[in-house]
Amino acid sequence: MNLFLNPDLWSWLCSGSAVMWLWLYGRKSLWGPRVGLFSQAFWVMFTLTSGQHGLWLCVVLFAVNHAWNWYKWAKENGDGEET
């Protein structure tokens, strides 16, 4: 099987990236929403390779949430730099 079509690979990347963005959010780092938004690419691939199409709603909602938080936090920090 092609490695990139293996849902196990994507599930590990999803889990690892989720732990990372949760930790960054907990530190109130502007990198939290950035990493969270980027990690949605892993969730897209996991959804496609695993056939768990019910996750599409979560992918979209999490992407919107991360994008909104990135915008809101950058606006609160003025120039978008970390505090």
PDB file of N, CA and C in Angstrom:
ATOM      1  N   MET A   1       0.844  -1.186   0.000  1.00  0.00           N
ATOM      2  CA  MET A   1       0.000   0.000   0.000  1.00  0.00           C
ATOM      3  C   MET A   1       0.886   1.245   0.000  1.00  0.00           C
ATOM      4  N   ASN A   2       0.485   2.221  -0.748  1.00  0.00           N
ATOM      5  CA  ASN A   2       1.179   3.498  -0.791  1.00  0.00           C
ATOM      6  C   ASN A   2       1.119   4.142   0.596  1.00  0.00           C
ATOM      7  N   LEU A   3       2.252   4.597   1.102  1.00  0.00           N
ATOM      8  CA  LEU A   3       2.318   5.191   2.437  1.00  0.00           C
ATOM      9  C   LEU A   3       1.373   6.376   2.582  1.00  0.00           C
ATOM     10  N   PHE A   4       1.241   7.170   1.546  1.00  0.00           N
ATOM     11  CA  PHE A   4       0.400   8.365   1.622  1.00  0.00           C
ATOM     12  C   PHE A   4      -1.086   8.048   1.602  1.00  0.00           C
ATOM     13  N   LEU A   5      -1.448   6.814   1.282  1.00  0.00           N
ATOM     14  CA  LEU A   5      -2.844   6.394   1.308  1.00  0.00           C
ATOM     15  C   LEU A   5      -3.173   5.589   2.558  1.00  0.00           C
ATOM     16  N   ASN A   6      -2.228   5.519   3.481  1.00  0.00           N
ATOM     17  CA  ASN A   6      -2.398   4.759   4.708  1.00  0.00           C
ATOM     18  C   ASN A   6      -3.048   5.640   5.785  1.00  0.00           C
ATOM     19  N   PRO A   7      -4.271   5.320   6.204  1.00  0.00           N
ATOM     20  CA  PRO A   7      -4.920   6.151   7.220  1.00  0.00           C
ATOM     21  C   PRO A   7      -4.181   6.168   8.558  1.00  0.00           C
ATOM     22  N   ASP A   8      -3.396   5.111   8.844  1.00  0.00           N
ATOM     23  CA  ASP A   8      -2.638   5.099  10.099  1.00  0.00           C
ATOM     24  C   ASP A   8      -1.629   6.242  10.155  1.00  0.00           C
ATOM     25  N   LEU A   9      -0.965   6.514   9.041  1.00  0.00           N
ATOM     26  CA  LEU A   9      -0.021   7.637   8.977  1.00  0.00           C
ATOM     27  C   LEU A   9      -0.722   8.943   9.326  1.00  0.00           C
ATOM     28  N   TRP A  10      -1.857   9.173   8.692  1.00  0.00           N
ATOM     29  CA  TRP A  10      -2.581  10.433   8.890  1.00  0.00           C
ATOM     30  C   TRP A  10      -3.160  10.527  10.293  1.00  0.00           C
ATOM     31  N   SER A  11      -3.564   9.405  10.879  1.00  0.00           N
ATOM     32  CA  SER A  11      -4.099   9.470  12.239  1.00  0.00           C
ATOM     33  C   SER A  11      -3.008   9.891  13.227  1.00  0.00           C
ATOM     34  N   TRP A  12      -1.774   9.401  13.029  1.00  0.00           N
ATOM     35  CA  TRP A  12      -0.665   9.814  13.893  1.00  0.00           C
ATOM     36  C   TRP A  12      -0.338  11.295  13.703  1.00  0.00           C
ATOM     37  N   LEU A  13      -0.354  11.755  12.454  1.00  0.00           N
ATOM     38  CA  LEU A  13      -0.090  13.177  12.196  1.00  0.00           C
ATOM     39  C   LEU A  13      -1.201  14.056  12.769  1.00  0.00           C
ATOM     40  N   CYS A  14      -2.430  13.593  12.679  1.00  0.00           N
ATOM     41  CA  CYS A  14      -3.557  14.329  13.271  1.00  0.00           C
ATOM     42  C   CYS A  14      -3.391  14.442  14.779  1.00  0.00           C
ATOM     43  N   SER A  15      -3.078  13.331  15.412  1.00  0.00           N
ATOM     44  CA  SER A  15      -2.916  13.328  16.867  1.00  0.00           C
ATOM     45  C   SER A  15      -1.754  14.210  17.304  1.00  0.00           C
ATOM     46  N   GLY A  16      -0.625  14.061  16.642  1.00  0.00           N
ATOM     47  CA  GLY A  16       0.541  14.863  16.996  1.00  0.00           C
ATOM     48  C   GLY A  16       0.313  16.347  16.817  1.00  0.00           C
ATOM     49  N   SER A  17      -0.305  16.719  15.711  1.00  0.00           N
ATOM     50  CA  SER A  17      -0.554  18.143  15.477  1.00  0.00           C
ATOM     51  C   SER A  17      -1.591  18.685  16.452  1.00  0.00           C
ATOM     52  N   ALA A  18      -2.583  17.868  16.835  1.00  0.00           N
ATOM     53  CA  ALA A  18      -3.593  18.315  17.802  1.00  0.00           C
ATOM     54  C   ALA A  18      -2.960  18.579  19.165  1.00  0.00           C
ATOM     55  N   VAL A  19      -2.068  17.702  19.586  1.00  0.00           N
ATOM     56  CA  VAL A  19      -1.379  17.918  20.856  1.00  0.00           C
ATOM     57  C   VAL A  19      -0.579  19.220  20.793  1.00  0.00           C
ATOM     58  N   MET A  20       0.073  19.459  19.661  1.00  0.00           N
ATOM     59  CA  MET A  20       0.894  20.657  19.515  1.00  0.00           C
ATOM     60  C   MET A  20       0.042  21.921  19.569  1.00  0.00           C
ATOM     61  N   TRP A  21      -1.055  21.955  18.776  1.00  0.00           N
ATOM     62  CA  TRP A  21      -1.825  23.202  18.778  1.00  0.00           C
ATOM     63  C   TRP A  21      -2.577  23.404  20.090  1.00  0.00           C
ATOM     64  N   LEU A  22      -2.977  22.321  20.756  1.00  0.00           N
ATOM     65  CA  LEU A  22      -3.607  22.490  22.070  1.00  0.00           C
ATOM     66  C   LEU A  22      -2.627  23.086  23.078  1.00  0.00           C
ATOM     67  N   TRP A  23      -1.392  22.620  23.048  1.00  0.00           N
ATOM     68  CA  TRP A  23      -0.375  23.160  23.949  1.00  0.00           C
ATOM     69  C   TRP A  23      -0.127  24.639  23.650  1.00  0.00           C
ATOM     70  N   LEU A  24      -0.045  24.985  22.368  1.00  0.00           N
ATOM     71  CA  LEU A  24       0.183  26.376  21.989  1.00  0.00           C
ATOM     72  C   LEU A  24      -0.997  27.268  22.363  1.00  0.00           C
ATOM     73  N   TYR A  25      -2.213  26.763  22.171  1.00  0.00           N
ATOM     74  CA  TYR A  25      -3.392  27.526  22.600  1.00  0.00           C
ATOM     75  C   TYR A  25      -3.349  27.761  24.105  1.00  0.00           C
ATOM     76  N   GLY A  26      -2.957  26.748  24.848  1.00  0.00           N
ATOM     77  CA  GLY A  26      -2.875  26.872  26.301  1.00  0.00           C
ATOM     78  C   GLY A  26      -1.882  27.929  26.747  1.00  0.00           C
ATOM     79  N   ARG A  27      -0.866  28.148  25.943  1.00  0.00           N
ATOM     80  CA  ARG A  27       0.125  29.194  26.237  1.00  0.00           C
ATOM     81  C   ARG A  27      -0.307  30.550  25.690  1.00  0.00           C
ATOM     82  N   LYS A  28      -1.498  30.586  25.053  1.00  0.00           N
ATOM     83  CA  LYS A  28      -2.028  31.792  24.403  1.00  0.00           C
ATOM     84  C   LYS A  28      -1.068  32.311  23.336  1.00  0.00           C
ATOM     85  N   SER A  29      -0.436  31.372  22.656  1.00  0.00           N
ATOM     86  CA  SER A  29       0.489  31.715  21.587  1.00  0.00           C
ATOM     87  C   SER A  29      -0.282  31.881  20.277  1.00  0.00           C
ATOM     88  N   LEU A  30       0.102  32.879  19.503  1.00  0.00           N
ATOM     89  CA  LEU A  30      -0.512  33.088  18.197  1.00  0.00           C
ATOM     90  C   LEU A  30      -0.203  31.929  17.258  1.00  0.00           C
ATOM     91  N   TRP A  31       0.783  31.113  17.609  1.00  0.00           N
ATOM     92  CA  TRP A  31       1.094  29.935  16.800  1.00  0.00           C
ATOM     93  C   TRP A  31       0.045  28.841  16.958  1.00  0.00           C
ATOM     94  N   GLY A  32      -0.749  28.875  18.026  1.00  0.00           N
ATOM     95  CA  GLY A  32      -1.798  27.882  18.227  1.00  0.00           C
ATOM     96  C   GLY A  32      -2.777  27.823  17.058  1.00  0.00           C
ATOM     97  N   PRO A  33      -3.415  28.944  16.711  1.00  0.00           N
ATOM     98  CA  PRO A  33      -4.329  28.917  15.574  1.00  0.00           C
ATOM     99  C   PRO A  33      -3.626  28.646  14.249  1.00  0.00           C
ATOM    100  N   ARG A  34      -2.399  29.087  14.126  1.00  0.00           N
ATOM    101  CA  ARG A  34      -1.660  28.837  12.878  1.00  0.00           C
ATOM    102  C   ARG A  34      -1.415  27.347  12.674  1.00  0.00           C
ATOM    103  N   VAL A  35      -0.898  26.697  13.713  1.00  0.00           N
ATOM    104  CA  VAL A  35      -0.638  25.256  13.630  1.00  0.00           C
ATOM    105  C   VAL A  35      -1.955  24.495  13.500  1.00  0.00           C
ATOM    106  N   GLY A  36      -2.981  24.949  14.223  1.00  0.00           N
ATOM    107  CA  GLY A  36      -4.289  24.312  14.132  1.00  0.00           C
ATOM    108  C   GLY A  36      -4.869  24.377  12.736  1.00  0.00           C
ATOM    109  N   LEU A  37      -4.743  25.526  12.094  1.00  0.00           N
ATOM    110  CA  LEU A  37      -5.253  25.670  10.729  1.00  0.00           C
ATOM    111  C   LEU A  37      -4.460  24.796   9.765  1.00  0.00           C
ATOM    112  N   PHE A  38      -3.135  24.793   9.913  1.00  0.00           N
ATOM    113  CA  PHE A  38      -2.297  23.949   9.065  1.00  0.00           C
ATOM    114  C   PHE A  38      -2.615  22.465   9.258  1.00  0.00           C
ATOM    115  N   SER A  39      -2.907  22.076  10.502  1.00  0.00           N
ATOM    116  CA  SER A  39      -3.153  20.660  10.799  1.00  0.00           C
ATOM    117  C   SER A  39      -4.433  20.141  10.159  1.00  0.00           C
ATOM    118  N   GLN A  40      -5.293  21.028   9.720  1.00  0.00           N
ATOM    119  CA  GLN A  40      -6.519  20.569   9.074  1.00  0.00           C
ATOM    120  C   GLN A  40      -6.215  19.828   7.769  1.00  0.00           C
ATOM    121  N   ALA A  41      -5.056  20.093   7.179  1.00  0.00           N
ATOM    122  CA  ALA A  41      -4.647  19.332   5.988  1.00  0.00           C
ATOM    123  C   ALA A  41      -4.479  17.855   6.336  1.00  0.00           C
ATOM    124  N   PHE A  42      -3.955  17.566   7.527  1.00  0.00           N
ATOM    125  CA  PHE A  42      -3.822  16.178   7.966  1.00  0.00           C
ATOM    126  C   PHE A  42      -5.196  15.535   8.135  1.00  0.00           C
ATOM    127  N   TRP A  43      -6.141  16.309   8.700  1.00  0.00           N
ATOM    128  CA  TRP A  43      -7.489  15.787   8.900  1.00  0.00           C
ATOM    129  C   TRP A  43      -8.194  15.544   7.568  1.00  0.00           C
ATOM    130  N   VAL A  44      -7.941  16.396   6.595  1.00  0.00           N
ATOM    131  CA  VAL A  44      -8.518  16.171   5.261  1.00  0.00           C
ATOM    132  C   VAL A  44      -8.005  14.853   4.699  1.00  0.00           C
ATOM    133  N   MET A  45      -6.700  14.635   4.790  1.00  0.00           N
ATOM    134  CA  MET A  45      -6.129  13.396   4.268  1.00  0.00           C
ATOM    135  C   MET A  45      -6.620  12.179   5.047  1.00  0.00           C
ATOM    136  N   PHE A  46      -6.739  12.307   6.358  1.00  0.00           N
ATOM    137  CA  PHE A  46      -7.253  11.195   7.148  1.00  0.00           C
ATOM    138  C   PHE A  46      -8.691  10.880   6.757  1.00  0.00           C
ATOM    139  N   THR A  47      -9.502  11.905   6.575  1.00  0.00           N
ATOM    140  CA  THR A  47     -10.895  11.703   6.187  1.00  0.00           C
ATOM    141  C   THR A  47     -10.984  11.022   4.833  1.00  0.00           C
ATOM    142  N   LEU A  48     -10.151  11.449   3.897  1.00  0.00           N
ATOM    143  CA  LEU A  48     -10.168  10.848   2.563  1.00  0.00           C
ATOM    144  C   LEU A  48      -9.693   9.397   2.574  1.00  0.00           C
ATOM    145  N   THR A  49      -8.616   9.114   3.299  1.00  0.00           N
ATOM    146  CA  THR A  49      -8.038   7.763   3.262  1.00  0.00           C
ATOM    147  C   THR A  49      -8.791   6.774   4.130  1.00  0.00           C
ATOM    148  N   SER A  50      -9.449   7.253   5.178  1.00  0.00           N
ATOM    149  CA  SER A  50     -10.139   6.332   6.091  1.00  0.00           C
ATOM    150  C   SER A  50     -11.598   6.109   5.712  1.00  0.00           C
ATOM    151  N   GLY A  51     -12.135   6.981   4.870  1.00  0.00           N
ATOM    152  CA  GLY A  51     -13.542   6.858   4.488  1.00  0.00           C
ATOM    153  C   GLY A  51     -14.500   7.323   5.572  1.00  0.00           C
ATOM    154  N   GLN A  52     -13.995   8.016   6.578  1.00  0.00           N
ATOM    155  CA  GLN A  52     -14.849   8.514   7.658  1.00  0.00           C
ATOM    156  C   GLN A  52     -15.345   9.914   7.296  1.00  0.00           C
ATOM    157  N   HIS A  53     -16.306   9.933   6.407  1.00  0.00           N
ATOM    158  CA  HIS A  53     -16.764  11.194   5.830  1.00  0.00           C
ATOM    159  C   HIS A  53     -17.539  12.064   6.818  1.00  0.00           C
ATOM    160  N   GLY A  54     -17.924  11.501   7.933  1.00  0.00           N
ATOM    161  CA  GLY A  54     -18.578  12.296   8.966  1.00  0.00           C
ATOM    162  C   GLY A  54     -17.652  13.329   9.591  1.00  0.00           C
ATOM    163  N   LEU A  55     -16.349  13.175   9.380  1.00  0.00           N
ATOM    164  CA  LEU A  55     -15.378  14.128   9.940  1.00  0.00           C
ATOM    165  C   LEU A  55     -15.304  15.431   9.153  1.00  0.00           C
ATOM    166  N   TRP A  56     -15.897  15.463   7.966  1.00  0.00           N
ATOM    167  CA  TRP A  56     -15.830  16.689   7.157  1.00  0.00           C
ATOM    168  C   TRP A  56     -16.374  17.894   7.914  1.00  0.00           C
ATOM    169  N   LEU A  57     -17.468  17.701   8.640  1.00  0.00           N
ATOM    170  CA  LEU A  57     -18.050  18.806   9.403  1.00  0.00           C
ATOM    171  C   LEU A  57     -17.050  19.327  10.429  1.00  0.00           C
ATOM    172  N   CYS A  58     -16.387  18.422  11.128  1.00  0.00           N
ATOM    173  CA  CYS A  58     -15.376  18.842  12.113  1.00  0.00           C
ATOM    174  C   CYS A  58     -14.218  19.573  11.449  1.00  0.00           C
ATOM    175  N   VAL A  59     -13.777  19.077  10.303  1.00  0.00           N
ATOM    176  CA  VAL A  59     -12.662  19.717   9.598  1.00  0.00           C
ATOM    177  C   VAL A  59     -13.026  21.160   9.262  1.00  0.00           C
ATOM    178  N   VAL A  60     -14.205  21.355   8.724  1.00  0.00           N
ATOM    179  CA  VAL A  60     -14.639  22.705   8.336  1.00  0.00           C
ATOM    180  C   VAL A  60     -14.791  23.596   9.564  1.00  0.00           C
ATOM    181  N   LEU A  61     -15.450  23.088  10.604  1.00  0.00           N
ATOM    182  CA  LEU A  61     -15.667  23.908  11.801  1.00  0.00           C
ATOM    183  C   LEU A  61     -14.365  24.242  12.518  1.00  0.00           C
ATOM    184  N   PHE A  62     -13.461  23.288  12.610  1.00  0.00           N
ATOM    185  CA  PHE A  62     -12.163  23.570  13.233  1.00  0.00           C
ATOM    186  C   PHE A  62     -11.369  24.576  12.399  1.00  0.00           C
ATOM    187  N   ALA A  63     -11.402  24.456  11.084  1.00  0.00           N
ATOM    188  CA  ALA A  63     -10.677  25.399  10.228  1.00  0.00           C
ATOM    189  C   ALA A  63     -11.222  26.813  10.416  1.00  0.00           C
ATOM    190  N   VAL A  64     -12.532  26.947  10.458  1.00  0.00           N
ATOM    191  CA  VAL A  64     -13.148  28.264  10.682  1.00  0.00           C
ATOM    192  C   VAL A  64     -12.761  28.798  12.057  1.00  0.00           C
ATOM    193  N   ASN A  65     -12.795  27.942  13.071  1.00  0.00           N
ATOM    194  CA  ASN A  65     -12.435  28.351  14.425  1.00  0.00           C
ATOM    195  C   ASN A  65     -10.980  28.818  14.508  1.00  0.00           C
ATOM    196  N   HIS A  66     -10.065  28.050  13.918  1.00  0.00           N
ATOM    197  CA  HIS A  66      -8.652  28.432  13.943  1.00  0.00           C
ATOM    198  C   HIS A  66      -8.420  29.737  13.181  1.00  0.00           C
ATOM    199  N   ALA A  67      -9.050  29.878  12.022  1.00  0.00           N
ATOM    200  CA  ALA A  67      -8.886  31.107  11.237  1.00  0.00           C
ATOM    201  C   ALA A  67      -9.422  32.314  12.009  1.00  0.00           C
ATOM    202  N   TRP A  68     -10.581  32.153  12.643  1.00  0.00           N
ATOM    203  CA  TRP A  68     -11.163  33.252  13.416  1.00  0.00           C
ATOM    204  C   TRP A  68     -10.264  33.621  14.593  1.00  0.00           C
ATOM    205  N   ASN A  69      -9.763  32.625  15.314  1.00  0.00           N
ATOM    206  CA  ASN A  69      -8.881  32.909  16.451  1.00  0.00           C
ATOM    207  C   ASN A  69      -7.590  33.578  16.008  1.00  0.00           C
ATOM    208  N   TRP A  70      -7.047  33.147  14.892  1.00  0.00           N
ATOM    209  CA  TRP A  70      -5.835  33.774  14.366  1.00  0.00           C
ATOM    210  C   TRP A  70      -6.104  35.242  14.080  1.00  0.00           C
ATOM    211  N   TYR A  71      -7.193  35.517  13.401  1.00  0.00           N
ATOM    212  CA  TYR A  71      -7.571  36.908  13.073  1.00  0.00           C
ATOM    213  C   TYR A  71      -7.786  37.721  14.349  1.00  0.00           C
ATOM    214  N   LYS A  72      -8.581  37.182  15.268  1.00  0.00           N
ATOM    215  CA  LYS A  72      -8.927  37.902  16.490  1.00  0.00           C
ATOM    216  C   LYS A  72      -7.701  38.163  17.354  1.00  0.00           C
ATOM    217  N   TRP A  73      -6.853  37.147  17.543  1.00  0.00           N
ATOM    218  CA  TRP A  73      -5.686  37.326  18.389  1.00  0.00           C
ATOM    219  C   TRP A  73      -4.672  38.272  17.756  1.00  0.00           C
ATOM    220  N   ALA A  74      -4.505  38.199  16.449  1.00  0.00           N
ATOM    221  CA  ALA A  74      -3.576  39.104  15.767  1.00  0.00           C
ATOM    222  C   ALA A  74      -4.066  40.543  15.891  1.00  0.00           C
ATOM    223  N   LYS A  75      -5.370  40.731  15.775  1.00  0.00           N
ATOM    224  CA  LYS A  75      -5.953  42.076  15.904  1.00  0.00           C
ATOM    225  C   LYS A  75      -5.774  42.614  17.326  1.00  0.00           C
ATOM    226  N   GLU A  76      -5.955  41.751  18.323  1.00  0.00           N
ATOM    227  CA  GLU A  76      -5.786  42.166  19.724  1.00  0.00           C
ATOM    228  C   GLU A  76      -4.342  42.533  20.033  1.00  0.00           C
ATOM    229  N   ASN A  77      -3.395  41.877  19.366  1.00  0.00           N
ATOM    230  CA  ASN A  77      -1.975  42.139  19.598  1.00  0.00           C
ATOM    231  C   ASN A  77      -1.446  43.279  18.742  1.00  0.00           C
ATOM    232  N   GLY A  78      -2.319  43.949  18.035  1.00  0.00           N
ATOM    233  CA  GLY A  78      -1.900  45.076  17.209  1.00  0.00           C
ATOM    234  C   GLY A  78      -1.312  44.641  15.895  1.00  0.00           C
ATOM    235  N   ASP A  79      -0.019  44.430  15.849  1.00  0.00           N
ATOM    236  CA  ASP A  79       0.650  44.087  14.583  1.00  0.00           C
ATOM    237  C   ASP A  79       0.709  42.589  14.337  1.00  0.00           C
ATOM    238  N   GLY A  80       0.107  41.796  15.209  1.00  0.00           N
ATOM    239  CA  GLY A  80       0.105  40.354  15.002  1.00  0.00           C
ATOM    240  C   GLY A  80       1.279  39.636  15.614  1.00  0.00           C
ATOM    241  N   GLU A  81       2.175  40.352  16.250  1.00  0.00           N
ATOM    242  CA  GLU A  81       3.326  39.721  16.887  1.00  0.00           C
ATOM    243  C   GLU A  81       2.918  39.101  18.207  1.00  0.00           C
ATOM    244  N   GLU A  82       3.671  38.144  18.652  1.00  0.00           N
ATOM    245  CA  GLU A  82       3.389  37.463  19.917  1.00  0.00           C
ATOM    246  C   GLU A  82       3.582  38.409  21.085  1.00  0.00           C
ATOM    247  N   THR A  83       2.831  38.142  22.165  1.00  0.00           N
ATOM    248  CA  THR A  83       2.978  38.964  23.361  1.00  0.00           C
ATOM    249  C   THR A  83       4.077  38.429  24.243  1.00  0.00           C
TER     250      THR A  83
END
